[in-house]
C-alpha cells in the first residue's frame, strides 16, 4: 500500500526542490562569471608581476563572491536534503556564519570599489579629496584588509549570538518558562538584527555617496566642456565609470531592500516572497560582476576572445 502524503507536505517538498534548482542555476552561473574575472586577473598578475588598485579590488571581490556562492549553495543543499537531522544544525549554523562573513566582505569590497571609482575619476577642489586622490593607491590594500577583518569579526559576533540564543532557548524551554524564553530570544534577535542593519546601512551610504559624487562631477565636467566647446578624453572614463556605478547603485539599492527583508522574514516560514528575495540575492553577485566585465576594457576583450574561441570549437565539432 502506497503511503499517503498530506498536500501541505507535498507542497513543501516541491517548493524546496524548486528553490534548490533555481538557486543552483544562479550559483553556478555566478561562480563561472566571477571565476572568469579571477582567472583573467591572475594571468595578468603572473605576466606583469603586479596589479593596479582597481584589479586588486576586482580580484578580491571575485574570490569573495565565489566563496559566498559556494557556501550559500552548500547551506541550502544540506538544509533541504537533511531538514530534520539535529546533528546537521551545528553544521548549518557554522555555514551560515561563514556565509555572513563572505556576504559582508562582498558588500564592503563592492563599497570600496565604488569609493575608488569616485576618488580616482571625480574632480573636486577640496583639499581632503585631493589628499585621498593622491594616497588612494596606498590605502586600497589596507581598506581591503580592514574589510575582511571587519567581516570576520561581524560573523564571529553573529555566531556567538546565535549560539547564546540556541542555548538559552533550549535551557528555558526545558524548564517550561516559555515567556522568559521568548523575551530572551527577542533580545538576542534584536542585537543580531541591529548589527546586521548597521553594517548594511553603512555600506549602502558609502555606495550612494560615491555614486552621487561621481554623478555631480560628471555633470559639472560636461557643462564645462559644453561652455568651452572642447572635447576631453576623460569624458569617456567618466561615462564608463558612471554607467558602472549607477547600475551598481540601482542593483545595490534593491539588494539592500532584499537583505533588509531577510532580516524581517528571519522567523517566518518559507513562502514565495522569501524565494523571490533569495533569487535576487544570489543573482546579484553574478549579474553585477558581468556588468563589471563589460565596463572594464581588459575583461571585456578577454571575454569576447574566450566566447569566440568557444564558438569556433563548437562550430568545428
C-alpha atoms as a PDB file:
ATOM      1  CA  UNK A   1       0.000   0.000   0.000  1.00  0.00           C
ATOM      2  CA  UNK A   2       1.370   3.338  -1.001  1.00  0.00           C
ATOM      3  CA  UNK A   3       1.935   5.960   1.660  1.00  0.00           C
ATOM      4  CA  UNK A   4      -0.358   8.973   1.542  1.00  0.00           C
ATOM      5  CA  UNK A   5       1.411  12.306   1.902  1.00  0.00           C
ATOM      6  CA  UNK A   6      -0.536  15.355   3.088  1.00  0.00           C
ATOM      7  CA  UNK A   7      -0.926  18.136   0.473  1.00  0.00           C
ATOM      8  CA  UNK A   8       0.953  20.564   2.723  1.00  0.00           C
ATOM      9  CA  UNK A   9       3.965  18.222   2.947  1.00  0.00           C
ATOM     10  CA  UNK A  10       3.913  17.635  -0.813  1.00  0.00           C
ATOM     11  CA  UNK A  11       3.772  21.379  -1.473  1.00  0.00           C
ATOM     12  CA  UNK A  12       6.654  21.964   0.925  1.00  0.00           C
ATOM     13  CA  UNK A  13       8.749  19.314  -0.823  1.00  0.00           C
ATOM     14  CA  UNK A  14       8.046  20.705  -4.298  1.00  0.00           C
ATOM     15  CA  UNK A  15       8.772  24.231  -3.079  1.00  0.00           C
ATOM     16  CA  UNK A  16      12.096  23.147  -1.605  1.00  0.00           C
ATOM     17  CA  UNK A  17      13.085  21.293  -4.789  1.00  0.00           C
ATOM     18  CA  UNK A  18      12.158  24.273  -6.989  1.00  0.00           C
ATOM     19  CA  UNK A  19      14.036  26.717  -4.745  1.00  0.00           C
ATOM     20  CA  UNK A  20      17.140  24.494  -4.719  1.00  0.00           C
ATOM     21  CA  UNK A  21      17.045  24.091  -8.520  1.00  0.00           C
ATOM     22  CA  UNK A  22      16.782  27.853  -9.139  1.00  0.00           C
ATOM     23  CA  UNK A  23      19.478  28.682  -6.594  1.00  0.00           C
ATOM     24  CA  UNK A  24      21.767  26.009  -8.101  1.00  0.00           C
ATOM     25  CA  UNK A  25      21.477  27.552 -11.573  1.00  0.00           C
ATOM     26  CA  UNK A  26      22.138  31.061 -10.236  1.00  0.00           C
ATOM     27  CA  UNK A  27      25.047  29.948  -8.064  1.00  0.00           C
ATOM     28  CA  UNK A  28      26.892  28.082 -10.813  1.00  0.00           C
ATOM     29  CA  UNK A  29      26.334  30.911 -13.309  1.00  0.00           C
ATOM     30  CA  UNK A  30      27.628  33.450 -10.783  1.00  0.00           C
ATOM     31  CA  UNK A  31      30.591  31.262  -9.901  1.00  0.00           C
ATOM     32  CA  UNK A  32      31.536  30.910 -13.577  1.00  0.00           C
ATOM     33  CA  UNK A  33      31.384  34.673 -14.174  1.00  0.00           C
ATOM     34  CA  UNK A  34      33.441  35.503 -11.084  1.00  0.00           C
ATOM     35  CA  UNK A  35      35.880  32.651 -11.766  1.00  0.00           C
ATOM     36  CA  UNK A  36      36.456  34.181 -15.201  1.00  0.00           C
ATOM     37  CA  UNK A  37      37.354  37.530 -13.600  1.00  0.00           C
ATOM     38  CA  UNK A  38      39.698  35.846 -11.118  1.00  0.00           C
ATOM     39  CA  UNK A  39      41.427  33.779 -13.848  1.00  0.00           C
ATOM     40  CA  UNK A  40      41.982  36.781 -16.148  1.00  0.00           C
ATOM     41  CA  UNK A  41      43.393  38.895 -13.313  1.00  0.00           C
ATOM     42  CA  UNK A  42      45.594  36.070 -12.008  1.00  0.00           C
ATOM     43  CA  UNK A  43      47.042  35.526 -15.504  1.00  0.00           C
ATOM     44  CA  UNK A  44      47.714  39.268 -15.769  1.00  0.00           C
ATOM     45  CA  UNK A  45      49.291  39.170 -12.299  1.00  0.00           C
ATOM     46  CA  UNK A  46      51.650  36.362 -13.328  1.00  0.00           C
ATOM     47  CA  UNK A  47      52.622  38.167 -16.542  1.00  0.00           C
ATOM     48  CA  UNK A  48      53.090  41.659 -15.102  1.00  0.00           C
ATOM     49  CA  UNK A  49      54.164  40.587 -11.586  1.00  0.00           C
ATOM     50  CA  UNK A  50      51.889  43.299 -10.231  1.00  0.00           C
ATOM     51  CA  UNK A  51      48.275  44.514 -10.181  1.00  0.00           C
ATOM     52  CA  UNK A  52      46.897  48.036 -10.049  1.00  0.00           C
ATOM     53  CA  UNK A  53      44.465  49.079  -7.319  1.00  0.00           C
ATOM     54  CA  UNK A  54      41.359  48.501  -9.425  1.00  0.00           C
ATOM     55  CA  UNK A  55      42.490  44.970 -10.308  1.00  0.00           C
ATOM     56  CA  UNK A  56      43.263  44.194  -6.656  1.00  0.00           C
ATOM     57  CA  UNK A  57      39.722  45.145  -5.657  1.00  0.00           C
ATOM     58  CA  UNK A  58      38.181  43.155  -8.511  1.00  0.00           C
ATOM     59  CA  UNK A  59      40.323  40.100  -7.712  1.00  0.00           C
ATOM     60  CA  UNK A  60      39.360  40.052  -4.045  1.00  0.00           C
ATOM     61  CA  UNK A  61      35.720  40.798  -4.919  1.00  0.00           C
ATOM     62  CA  UNK A  62      35.639  37.847  -7.334  1.00  0.00           C
ATOM     63  CA  UNK A  63      37.162  35.489  -4.760  1.00  0.00           C
ATOM     64  CA  UNK A  64      34.738  36.718  -2.086  1.00  0.00           C
ATOM     65  CA  UNK A  65      31.720  36.183  -4.337  1.00  0.00           C
ATOM     66  CA  UNK A  66      32.822  32.692  -5.373  1.00  0.00           C
ATOM     67  CA  UNK A  67      33.218  31.753  -1.699  1.00  0.00           C
ATOM     68  CA  UNK A  68      29.848  33.293  -0.810  1.00  0.00           C
ATOM     69  CA  UNK A  69      28.022  31.445  -3.595  1.00  0.00           C
ATOM     70  CA  UNK A  70      29.682  28.118  -2.706  1.00  0.00           C
ATOM     71  CA  UNK A  71      28.736  28.489   0.936  1.00  0.00           C
ATOM     72  CA  UNK A  72      25.176  29.581   0.078  1.00  0.00           C
ATOM     73  CA  UNK A  73      24.606  26.586  -2.205  1.00  0.00           C
ATOM     74  CA  UNK A  74      26.036  24.132   0.334  1.00  0.00           C
ATOM     75  CA  UNK A  75      23.847  25.621   3.077  1.00  0.00           C
ATOM     76  CA  UNK A  76      20.649  25.365   1.025  1.00  0.00           C
ATOM     77  CA  UNK A  77      21.528  21.885  -0.222  1.00  0.00           C
ATOM     78  CA  UNK A  78      22.092  20.499   3.282  1.00  0.00           C
ATOM     79  CA  UNK A  79      19.062  22.289   4.750  1.00  0.00           C
ATOM     80  CA  UNK A  80      16.797  20.850   2.022  1.00  0.00           C
ATOM     81  CA  UNK A  81      18.258  17.318   1.945  1.00  0.00           C
ATOM     82  CA  UNK A  82      18.623  16.927   5.722  1.00  0.00           C
ATOM     83  CA  UNK A  83      15.977  19.257   7.198  1.00  0.00           C
ATOM     84  CA  UNK A  84      15.194  17.249  10.349  1.00  0.00           C
ATOM     85  CA  UNK A  85      18.611  15.937  11.355  1.00  0.00           C
ATOM     86  CA  UNK A  86      19.690  17.509  14.697  1.00  0.00           C
ATOM     87  CA  UNK A  87      23.373  16.777  14.042  1.00  0.00           C
ATOM     88  CA  UNK A  88      23.320  18.994  10.953  1.00  0.00           C
ATOM     89  CA  UNK A  89      22.048  22.045  12.846  1.00  0.00           C
ATOM     90  CA  UNK A  90      25.521  22.888  14.147  1.00  0.00           C
ATOM     91  CA  UNK A  91      26.983  22.469  10.650  1.00  0.00           C
ATOM     92  CA  UNK A  92      24.269  24.700   9.194  1.00  0.00           C
ATOM     93  CA  UNK A  93      24.927  27.344  11.854  1.00  0.00           C
ATOM     94  CA  UNK A  94      28.657  27.317  11.054  1.00  0.00           C
ATOM     95  CA  UNK A  95      27.899  27.583   7.320  1.00  0.00           C
ATOM     96  CA  UNK A  96      25.505  30.452   7.996  1.00  0.00           C
ATOM     97  CA  UNK A  97      28.198  32.315   9.947  1.00  0.00           C
ATOM     98  CA  UNK A  98      30.791  31.718   7.214  1.00  0.00           C
ATOM     99  CA  UNK A  99      28.253  32.880   4.628  1.00  0.00           C
ATOM    100  CA  UNK A 100      27.610  36.004   6.683  1.00  0.00           C
ATOM    101  CA  UNK A 101      31.336  36.759   6.663  1.00  0.00           C
ATOM    102  CA  UNK A 102      31.597  36.333   2.879  1.00  0.00           C
ATOM    103  CA  UNK A 103      28.417  38.354   2.322  1.00  0.00           C
ATOM    104  CA  UNK A 104      29.638  41.301   4.399  1.00  0.00           C
ATOM    105  CA  UNK A 105      33.033  41.014   2.704  1.00  0.00           C
ATOM    106  CA  UNK A 106      31.285  41.164  -0.667  1.00  0.00           C
ATOM    107  CA  UNK A 107      29.259  44.230   0.369  1.00  0.00           C
ATOM    108  CA  UNK A 108      32.217  46.162   1.768  1.00  0.00           C
ATOM    109  CA  UNK A 109      34.586  45.346  -1.089  1.00  0.00           C
ATOM    110  CA  UNK A 110      31.855  46.490  -3.503  1.00  0.00           C
ATOM    111  CA  UNK A 111      31.569  49.705  -1.499  1.00  0.00           C
ATOM    112  CA  UNK A 112      35.369  50.107  -1.691  1.00  0.00           C
ATOM    113  CA  UNK A 113      35.178  49.686  -5.475  1.00  0.00           C
ATOM    114  CA  UNK A 114      32.569  52.444  -5.753  1.00  0.00           C
ATOM    115  CA  UNK A 115      34.567  54.715  -3.480  1.00  0.00           C
ATOM    116  CA  UNK A 116      37.707  54.008  -5.507  1.00  0.00           C
ATOM    117  CA  UNK A 117      35.939  54.957  -8.754  1.00  0.00           C
ATOM    118  CA  UNK A 118      34.673  58.153  -7.168  1.00  0.00           C
ATOM    119  CA  UNK A 119      38.051  59.251  -5.774  1.00  0.00           C
ATOM    120  CA  UNK A 120      40.042  58.224  -8.850  1.00  0.00           C
ATOM    121  CA  UNK A 121      37.776  59.712 -11.539  1.00  0.00           C
ATOM    122  CA  UNK A 122      35.820  62.564  -9.961  1.00  0.00           C
ATOM    123  CA  UNK A 123      37.359  66.046  -9.780  1.00  0.00           C
ATOM    124  CA  UNK A 124      36.831  68.214  -6.710  1.00  0.00           C
ATOM    125  CA  UNK A 125      38.959  71.056  -5.367  1.00  0.00           C
ATOM    126  CA  UNK A 126      38.507  70.076  -1.750  1.00  0.00           C
ATOM    127  CA  UNK A 127      41.896  69.608  -0.055  1.00  0.00           C
ATOM    128  CA  UNK A 128      40.850  66.392   1.689  1.00  0.00           C
ATOM    129  CA  UNK A 129      39.577  64.932  -1.577  1.00  0.00           C
ATOM    130  CA  UNK A 130      42.858  65.833  -3.309  1.00  0.00           C
ATOM    131  CA  UNK A 131      44.735  64.141  -0.464  1.00  0.00           C
ATOM    132  CA  UNK A 132      42.630  60.985  -0.930  1.00  0.00           C
ATOM    133  CA  UNK A 133      43.228  61.030  -4.690  1.00  0.00           C
ATOM    134  CA  UNK A 134      46.996  61.101  -4.110  1.00  0.00           C
ATOM    135  CA  UNK A 135      47.001  58.442  -1.367  1.00  0.00           C
ATOM    136  CA  UNK A 136      44.223  56.136  -2.586  1.00  0.00           C
ATOM    137  CA  UNK A 137      46.533  53.568  -4.221  1.00  0.00           C
ATOM    138  CA  UNK A 138      48.417  53.106  -0.949  1.00  0.00           C
ATOM    139  CA  UNK A 139      45.173  52.974   1.014  1.00  0.00           C
ATOM    140  CA  UNK A 140      43.487  50.265  -1.092  1.00  0.00           C
ATOM    141  CA  UNK A 141      45.349  47.239   0.397  1.00  0.00           C
ATOM    142  CA  UNK A 142      44.616  48.475   3.915  1.00  0.00           C
ATOM    143  CA  UNK A 143      40.962  49.115   3.076  1.00  0.00           C
ATOM    144  CA  UNK A 144      40.614  45.610   1.691  1.00  0.00           C
ATOM    145  CA  UNK A 145      42.353  44.101   4.718  1.00  0.00           C
ATOM    146  CA  UNK A 146      40.123  46.129   7.032  1.00  0.00           C
ATOM    147  CA  UNK A 147      37.022  44.978   5.146  1.00  0.00           C
ATOM    148  CA  UNK A 148      37.998  41.325   5.555  1.00  0.00           C
ATOM    149  CA  UNK A 149      38.811  41.694   9.262  1.00  0.00           C
ATOM    150  CA  UNK A 150      35.564  43.602   9.848  1.00  0.00           C
ATOM    151  CA  UNK A 151      33.505  40.970   8.007  1.00  0.00           C
ATOM    152  CA  UNK A 152      35.183  38.178  10.009  1.00  0.00           C
ATOM    153  CA  UNK A 153      34.543  39.979  13.294  1.00  0.00           C
ATOM    154  CA  UNK A 154      30.866  40.519  12.453  1.00  0.00           C
ATOM    155  CA  UNK A 155      30.416  36.853  11.522  1.00  0.00           C
ATOM    156  CA  UNK A 156      32.021  35.739  14.813  1.00  0.00           C
ATOM    157  CA  UNK A 157      29.720  38.043  16.787  1.00  0.00           C
ATOM    158  CA  UNK A 158      26.707  36.722  14.839  1.00  0.00           C
ATOM    159  CA  UNK A 159      27.761  33.130  15.540  1.00  0.00           C
ATOM    160  CA  UNK A 160      28.197  33.815  19.275  1.00  0.00           C
ATOM    161  CA  UNK A 161      24.781  35.483  19.428  1.00  0.00           C
ATOM    162  CA  UNK A 162      23.235  32.501  17.624  1.00  0.00           C
ATOM    163  CA  UNK A 163      24.911  30.036  19.999  1.00  0.00           C
ATOM    164  CA  UNK A 164      23.752  32.015  23.027  1.00  0.00           C
ATOM    165  CA  UNK A 165      20.213  32.196  21.656  1.00  0.00           C
ATOM    166  CA  UNK A 166      20.106  28.455  20.991  1.00  0.00           C
ATOM    167  CA  UNK A 167      21.451  27.506  24.440  1.00  0.00           C
ATOM    168  CA  UNK A 168      19.130  29.886  26.288  1.00  0.00           C
ATOM    169  CA  UNK A 169      16.167  28.758  24.232  1.00  0.00           C
ATOM    170  CA  UNK A 170      16.838  25.063  24.929  1.00  0.00           C
ATOM    171  CA  UNK A 171      17.501  25.630  28.631  1.00  0.00           C
ATOM    172  CA  UNK A 172      14.484  27.806  29.259  1.00  0.00           C
ATOM    173  CA  UNK A 173      12.170  25.635  27.168  1.00  0.00           C
ATOM    174  CA  UNK A 174      13.294  22.639  29.182  1.00  0.00           C
ATOM    175  CA  UNK A 175      12.354  24.488  32.364  1.00  0.00           C
ATOM    176  CA  UNK A 176       8.943  25.275  30.910  1.00  0.00           C
ATOM    177  CA  UNK A 177       9.350  29.066  31.194  1.00  0.00           C
ATOM    178  CA  UNK A 178       8.160  29.892  27.691  1.00  0.00           C
ATOM    179  CA  UNK A 179       7.544  33.602  28.377  1.00  0.00           C
ATOM    180  CA  UNK A 180      11.095  34.219  29.623  1.00  0.00           C
ATOM    181  CA  UNK A 181      12.497  32.208  26.703  1.00  0.00           C
ATOM    182  CA  UNK A 182      10.577  34.379  24.246  1.00  0.00           C
ATOM    183  CA  UNK A 183      11.878  37.588  25.847  1.00  0.00           C
ATOM    184  CA  UNK A 184      15.496  36.420  25.713  1.00  0.00           C
ATOM    185  CA  UNK A 185      15.062  35.192  22.157  1.00  0.00           C
ATOM    186  CA  UNK A 186      13.696  38.559  21.045  1.00  0.00           C
ATOM    187  CA  UNK A 187      16.550  40.327  22.857  1.00  0.00           C
ATOM    188  CA  UNK A 188      19.246  38.318  21.062  1.00  0.00           C
ATOM    189  CA  UNK A 189      17.460  38.588  17.716  1.00  0.00           C
ATOM    190  CA  UNK A 190      17.266  42.363  18.142  1.00  0.00           C
ATOM    191  CA  UNK A 191      21.017  42.545  18.826  1.00  0.00           C
ATOM    192  CA  UNK A 192      21.827  40.425  15.782  1.00  0.00           C
ATOM    193  CA  UNK A 193      19.381  42.298  13.534  1.00  0.00           C
ATOM    194  CA  UNK A 194      20.581  45.696  14.737  1.00  0.00           C
ATOM    195  CA  UNK A 195      24.189  44.771  13.986  1.00  0.00           C
ATOM    196  CA  UNK A 196      23.275  43.462  10.524  1.00  0.00           C
ATOM    197  CA  UNK A 197      21.200  46.561   9.771  1.00  0.00           C
ATOM    198  CA  UNK A 198      24.042  48.840  10.864  1.00  0.00           C
ATOM    199  CA  UNK A 199      26.542  47.115   8.549  1.00  0.00           C
ATOM    200  CA  UNK A 200      24.138  47.132   5.589  1.00  0.00           C
ATOM    201  CA  UNK A 201      23.233  50.792   6.080  1.00  0.00           C
ATOM    202  CA  UNK A 202      26.869  51.902   6.377  1.00  0.00           C
ATOM    203  CA  UNK A 203      27.924  50.147   3.155  1.00  0.00           C
ATOM    204  CA  UNK A 204      24.814  51.419   1.352  1.00  0.00           C
ATOM    205  CA  UNK A 205      25.609  55.014   2.368  1.00  0.00           C
ATOM    206  CA  UNK A 206      29.176  54.662   1.039  1.00  0.00           C
ATOM    207  CA  UNK A 207      27.886  53.427  -2.327  1.00  0.00           C
ATOM    208  CA  UNK A 208      25.193  56.117  -2.515  1.00  0.00           C
ATOM    209  CA  UNK A 209      27.600  58.944  -1.619  1.00  0.00           C
ATOM    210  CA  UNK A 210      30.174  57.704  -4.150  1.00  0.00           C
ATOM    211  CA  UNK A 211      27.625  57.411  -6.961  1.00  0.00           C
ATOM    212  CA  UNK A 212      26.079  60.835  -6.279  1.00  0.00           C
ATOM    213  CA  UNK A 213      29.513  62.489  -6.056  1.00  0.00           C
ATOM    214  CA  UNK A 214      30.619  60.916  -9.333  1.00  0.00           C
ATOM    215  CA  UNK A 215      27.365  61.952 -10.994  1.00  0.00           C
ATOM    216  CA  UNK A 216      27.838  65.544  -9.847  1.00  0.00           C
ATOM    217  CA  UNK A 217      31.455  65.526 -11.094  1.00  0.00           C
ATOM    218  CA  UNK A 218      30.344  64.206 -14.480  1.00  0.00           C
ATOM    219  CA  UNK A 219      27.593  66.817 -14.779  1.00  0.00           C
ATOM    220  CA  UNK A 220      29.990  69.646 -13.883  1.00  0.00           C
ATOM    221  CA  UNK A 221      32.674  68.353 -16.254  1.00  0.00           C
ATOM    222  CA  UNK A 222      30.176  68.026 -19.104  1.00  0.00           C
ATOM    223  CA  UNK A 223      28.875  71.551 -18.524  1.00  0.00           C
ATOM    224  CA  UNK A 224      32.443  72.917 -18.624  1.00  0.00           C
ATOM    225  CA  UNK A 225      33.138  71.136 -21.889  1.00  0.00           C
ATOM    226  CA  UNK A 226      29.949  72.464 -23.450  1.00  0.00           C
ATOM    227  CA  UNK A 227      30.790  76.001 -22.341  1.00  0.00           C
ATOM    228  CA  UNK A 228      34.310  75.837 -23.789  1.00  0.00           C
ATOM    229  CA  UNK A 229      33.255  73.780 -26.847  1.00  0.00           C
ATOM    230  CA  UNK A 230      36.029  71.291 -26.118  1.00  0.00           C
ATOM    231  CA  UNK A 231      36.344  67.504 -26.164  1.00  0.00           C
ATOM    232  CA  UNK A 232      38.160  65.700 -23.431  1.00  0.00           C
ATOM    233  CA  UNK A 233      39.275  62.084 -23.339  1.00  0.00           C
ATOM    234  CA  UNK A 234      38.479  61.894 -19.626  1.00  0.00           C
ATOM    235  CA  UNK A 235      34.815  62.241 -20.545  1.00  0.00           C
ATOM    236  CA  UNK A 236      34.814  58.648 -21.791  1.00  0.00           C
ATOM    237  CA  UNK A 237      36.266  57.487 -18.485  1.00  0.00           C
ATOM    238  CA  UNK A 238      33.609  59.461 -16.628  1.00  0.00           C
ATOM    239  CA  UNK A 239      30.783  57.956 -18.670  1.00  0.00           C
ATOM    240  CA  UNK A 240      32.114  54.389 -18.475  1.00  0.00           C
ATOM    241  CA  UNK A 241      32.608  54.577 -14.711  1.00  0.00           C
ATOM    242  CA  UNK A 242      29.285  56.350 -14.267  1.00  0.00           C
ATOM    243  CA  UNK A 243      27.394  53.595 -16.068  1.00  0.00           C
ATOM    244  CA  UNK A 244      29.094  51.020 -13.878  1.00  0.00           C
ATOM    245  CA  UNK A 245      28.483  52.881 -10.625  1.00  0.00           C
ATOM    246  CA  UNK A 246      24.892  53.887 -11.455  1.00  0.00           C
ATOM    247  CA  UNK A 247      23.943  50.352 -12.487  1.00  0.00           C
ATOM    248  CA  UNK A 248      25.545  49.103  -9.295  1.00  0.00           C
ATOM    249  CA  UNK A 249      23.696  51.756  -7.260  1.00  0.00           C
ATOM    250  CA  UNK A 250      20.349  50.545  -8.610  1.00  0.00           C
ATOM    251  CA  UNK A 251      21.254  46.891  -8.016  1.00  0.00           C
ATOM    252  CA  UNK A 252      22.768  47.649  -4.624  1.00  0.00           C
ATOM    253  CA  UNK A 253      19.623  49.524  -3.591  1.00  0.00           C
ATOM    254  CA  UNK A 254      17.443  46.529  -4.489  1.00  0.00           C
ATOM    255  CA  UNK A 255      19.960  44.252  -2.772  1.00  0.00           C
ATOM    256  CA  UNK A 256      19.804  46.453   0.340  1.00  0.00           C
ATOM    257  CA  UNK A 257      15.999  46.179   0.390  1.00  0.00           C
ATOM    258  CA  UNK A 258      16.168  42.393  -0.070  1.00  0.00           C
ATOM    259  CA  UNK A 259      18.729  41.969   2.711  1.00  0.00           C
ATOM    260  CA  UNK A 260      16.563  44.128   4.967  1.00  0.00           C
ATOM    261  CA  UNK A 261      13.577  41.913   4.139  1.00  0.00           C
ATOM    262  CA  UNK A 262      15.587  38.801   5.023  1.00  0.00           C
ATOM    263  CA  UNK A 263      16.068  40.283   8.494  1.00  0.00           C
ATOM    264  CA  UNK A 264      12.310  40.862   8.772  1.00  0.00           C
ATOM    265  CA  UNK A 265      11.446  37.385   7.438  1.00  0.00           C
ATOM    266  CA  UNK A 266      14.014  35.572   9.614  1.00  0.00           C
ATOM    267  CA  UNK A 267      11.394  33.973  11.833  1.00  0.00           C
ATOM    268  CA  UNK A 268       8.833  33.493   9.040  1.00  0.00           C
ATOM    269  CA  UNK A 269       8.174  30.238   7.239  1.00  0.00           C
ATOM    270  CA  UNK A 270       9.355  29.775   3.678  1.00  0.00           C
ATOM    271  CA  UNK A 271       6.990  31.227   1.090  1.00  0.00           C
ATOM    272  CA  UNK A 272       7.067  32.709  -2.390  1.00  0.00           C
ATOM    273  CA  UNK A 273       8.229  36.077  -1.009  1.00  0.00           C
ATOM    274  CA  UNK A 274      11.348  34.633   0.615  1.00  0.00           C
ATOM    275  CA  UNK A 275      12.027  32.617  -2.552  1.00  0.00           C
ATOM    276  CA  UNK A 276      11.935  35.768  -4.717  1.00  0.00           C
ATOM    277  CA  UNK A 277      14.200  37.573  -2.238  1.00  0.00           C
ATOM    278  CA  UNK A 278      16.808  34.805  -2.310  1.00  0.00           C
ATOM    279  CA  UNK A 279      16.577  34.529  -6.100  1.00  0.00           C
ATOM    280  CA  UNK A 280      17.644  38.162  -6.374  1.00  0.00           C
ATOM    281  CA  UNK A 281      20.280  37.933  -3.638  1.00  0.00           C
ATOM    282  CA  UNK A 282      22.012  35.008  -5.356  1.00  0.00           C
ATOM    283  CA  UNK A 283      21.675  36.580  -8.806  1.00  0.00           C
ATOM    284  CA  UNK A 284      23.291  39.833  -7.637  1.00  0.00           C
ATOM    285  CA  UNK A 285      26.955  38.602  -7.429  1.00  0.00           C
ATOM    286  CA  UNK A 286      26.836  37.202 -10.966  1.00  0.00           C
ATOM    287  CA  UNK A 287      24.904  39.997 -12.676  1.00  0.00           C
ATOM    288  CA  UNK A 288      26.968  42.799 -11.135  1.00  0.00           C
ATOM    289  CA  UNK A 289      30.220  41.001 -11.966  1.00  0.00           C
ATOM    290  CA  UNK A 290      29.001  40.707 -15.556  1.00  0.00           C
ATOM    291  CA  UNK A 291      28.433  44.488 -15.596  1.00  0.00           C
ATOM    292  CA  UNK A 292      31.955  44.971 -14.230  1.00  0.00           C
ATOM    293  CA  UNK A 293      33.340  42.828 -17.062  1.00  0.00           C
ATOM    294  CA  UNK A 294      31.687  44.956 -19.748  1.00  0.00           C
ATOM    295  CA  UNK A 295      32.760  48.187 -18.018  1.00  0.00           C
ATOM    296  CA  UNK A 296      36.404  47.055 -17.984  1.00  0.00           C
ATOM    297  CA  UNK A 297      38.090  47.042 -21.444  1.00  0.00           C
ATOM    298  CA  UNK A 298      40.604  44.337 -20.497  1.00  0.00           C
ATOM    299  CA  UNK A 299      37.984  41.970 -19.071  1.00  0.00           C
ATOM    300  CA  UNK A 300      35.562  42.659 -21.913  1.00  0.00           C
ATOM    301  CA  UNK A 301      38.230  41.899 -24.527  1.00  0.00           C
ATOM    302  CA  UNK A 302      39.187  38.681 -22.728  1.00  0.00           C
ATOM    303  CA  UNK A 303      35.530  37.585 -22.514  1.00  0.00           C
ATOM    304  CA  UNK A 304      34.864  38.252 -26.192  1.00  0.00           C
ATOM    305  CA  UNK A 305      38.037  36.367 -27.118  1.00  0.00           C
ATOM    306  CA  UNK A 306      37.004  33.443 -24.921  1.00  0.00           C
ATOM    307  CA  UNK A 307      33.486  33.345 -26.392  1.00  0.00           C
ATOM    308  CA  UNK A 308      34.861  33.471 -29.936  1.00  0.00           C
ATOM    309  CA  UNK A 309      37.154  30.517 -29.141  1.00  0.00           C
ATOM    310  CA  UNK A 310      34.253  28.555 -27.671  1.00  0.00           C
ATOM    311  CA  UNK A 311      32.084  29.383 -30.697  1.00  0.00           C
ATOM    312  CA  UNK A 312      34.857  28.227 -33.044  1.00  0.00           C
ATOM    313  CA  UNK A 313      35.320  24.951 -31.128  1.00  0.00           C
ATOM    314  CA  UNK A 314      31.573  24.269 -31.253  1.00  0.00           C
ATOM    315  CA  UNK A 315      31.477  25.107 -34.971  1.00  0.00           C
ATOM    316  CA  UNK A 316      34.395  22.743 -35.708  1.00  0.00           C
ATOM    317  CA  UNK A 317      32.604  19.886 -33.963  1.00  0.00           C
END
